[in-house]
Amino acid sequence: MTITGAFVLFAVIWSMTMFVVLPLGLRTHGDEGTEDADTPAFTPLNANIKAKVKRTTLITLALWIPLCAVIMSGVIGIEDIDFYGRMDR
């Protein structure tokens, strides 16, 4: 695995994890009953983005490090997931 491949893998895992973490613990104006004419009910009260970015990064590292180790060790390669037999062995 190249350094670019490792970076791309990290970015993909991070972005997928961020989409999972973003709605966790979210409180909206509609939930609290504090909406008014200027504020839609779906706007968040406190998005807590800094904490969610930290949580996302920690989860990503916990997933990325073992995945990189498995890929670099050669236990699982691209030939192992070639379901149609199109690659030469």
Protein backbone atom coordinates (compact mmCIF):
# COMPACT_ATOMS: atom_id res chain seq x y z
CA MET A 1 0.00 0.00 0.00
CA THR A 2 1.37 3.37 -0.99
CA ILE A 3 1.22 6.46 1.19
CA THR A 4 -1.36 7.92 -1.17
CA GLY A 5 -3.49 4.79 -0.91
CA ALA A 6 -3.27 4.91 2.88
CA PHE A 7 -4.32 8.57 2.89
CA VAL A 8 -7.26 7.90 0.55
CA LEU A 9 -8.36 4.96 2.70
CA PHE A 10 -8.20 7.15 5.80
CA ALA A 11 -10.20 9.92 4.09
CA VAL A 12 -12.90 7.51 2.91
CA ILE A 13 -13.26 5.88 6.32
CA TRP A 14 -13.25 9.31 8.02
CA SER A 15 -15.98 10.73 5.79
CA MET A 16 -18.19 7.64 6.16
CA THR A 17 -17.73 7.72 9.93
CA MET A 18 -18.53 11.44 10.05
CA PHE A 19 -21.88 10.83 8.35
CA VAL A 20 -22.66 8.27 11.06
CA VAL A 21 -21.49 10.46 13.97
CA LEU A 22 -23.09 13.76 12.89
CA PRO A 23 -26.69 12.99 13.94
CA LEU A 24 -25.72 11.40 17.28
CA GLY A 25 -26.83 13.50 20.23
CA LEU A 26 -28.27 16.23 18.04
CA ARG A 27 -30.92 18.42 19.67
CA THR A 28 -32.97 20.67 17.40
CA HIS A 29 -35.15 23.68 18.07
CA GLY A 30 -38.17 21.52 17.29
CA ASP A 31 -37.13 18.97 19.94
CA GLU A 32 -36.84 21.69 22.57
CA GLY A 33 -39.90 23.64 21.41
CA THR A 34 -37.93 26.87 20.97
CA GLU A 35 -38.58 27.54 17.30
CA ASP A 36 -39.89 30.91 16.24
CA ALA A 37 -40.71 32.61 12.93
CA ASP A 38 -37.03 33.23 12.09
CA THR A 39 -35.69 29.78 13.00
CA PRO A 40 -36.79 26.54 11.35
CA ALA A 41 -37.56 23.63 13.68
CA PHE A 42 -34.81 21.42 12.20
CA THR A 43 -31.86 23.72 13.02
CA PRO A 44 -29.55 22.37 15.72
CA LEU A 45 -29.26 24.03 19.10
CA ASN A 46 -25.63 23.04 19.59
CA ALA A 47 -24.05 21.04 16.78
CA ASN A 48 -20.86 20.33 18.81
CA ILE A 49 -18.80 19.92 15.64
CA LYS A 50 -15.41 20.03 17.38
CA ALA A 51 -16.27 17.08 19.62
CA LYS A 52 -17.75 15.17 16.70
CA VAL A 53 -14.61 15.68 14.61
CA LYS A 54 -12.46 14.38 17.49
CA ARG A 55 -14.76 11.37 17.97
CA THR A 56 -14.77 10.68 14.24
CA THR A 57 -10.98 10.81 14.06
CA LEU A 58 -10.56 8.41 16.99
CA ILE A 59 -13.04 5.93 15.53
CA THR A 60 -11.37 6.22 12.14
CA LEU A 61 -7.94 5.50 13.61
CA ALA A 62 -9.35 2.46 15.42
CA LEU A 63 -10.64 1.14 12.09
CA TRP A 64 -7.84 2.33 9.80
CA ILE A 65 -4.80 0.96 11.65
CA PRO A 66 -5.91 -2.72 11.65
CA LEU A 67 -7.18 -2.41 8.09
CA CYS A 68 -3.82 -1.07 6.91
CA ALA A 69 -2.03 -3.83 8.82
CA VAL A 70 -4.14 -6.51 7.11
CA ILE A 71 -3.62 -4.97 3.67
CA MET A 72 0.13 -4.52 4.13
CA SER A 73 0.62 -8.02 5.56
CA GLY A 74 -0.79 -9.59 2.41
CA VAL A 75 -3.28 -11.78 4.26
CA ILE A 76 -6.03 -10.40 2.03
CA GLY A 77 -5.19 -9.18 -1.44
CA ILE A 78 -7.05 -8.06 -4.52
CA GLU A 79 -6.90 -11.61 -5.87
CA ASP A 80 -8.93 -12.80 -2.88
CA ILE A 81 -11.87 -10.60 -3.82
CA ASP A 82 -11.73 -11.33 -7.56
CA PHE A 83 -15.11 -13.05 -7.75
CA TYR A 84 -15.21 -13.22 -11.56
CA GLY A 85 -11.72 -14.65 -12.13
CA ARG A 86 -10.55 -11.78 -14.34
CA MET A 87 -7.13 -11.35 -12.73
CA ASP A 88 -4.10 -13.47 -13.49
CA ARG A 89 -2.65 -15.28 -10.54
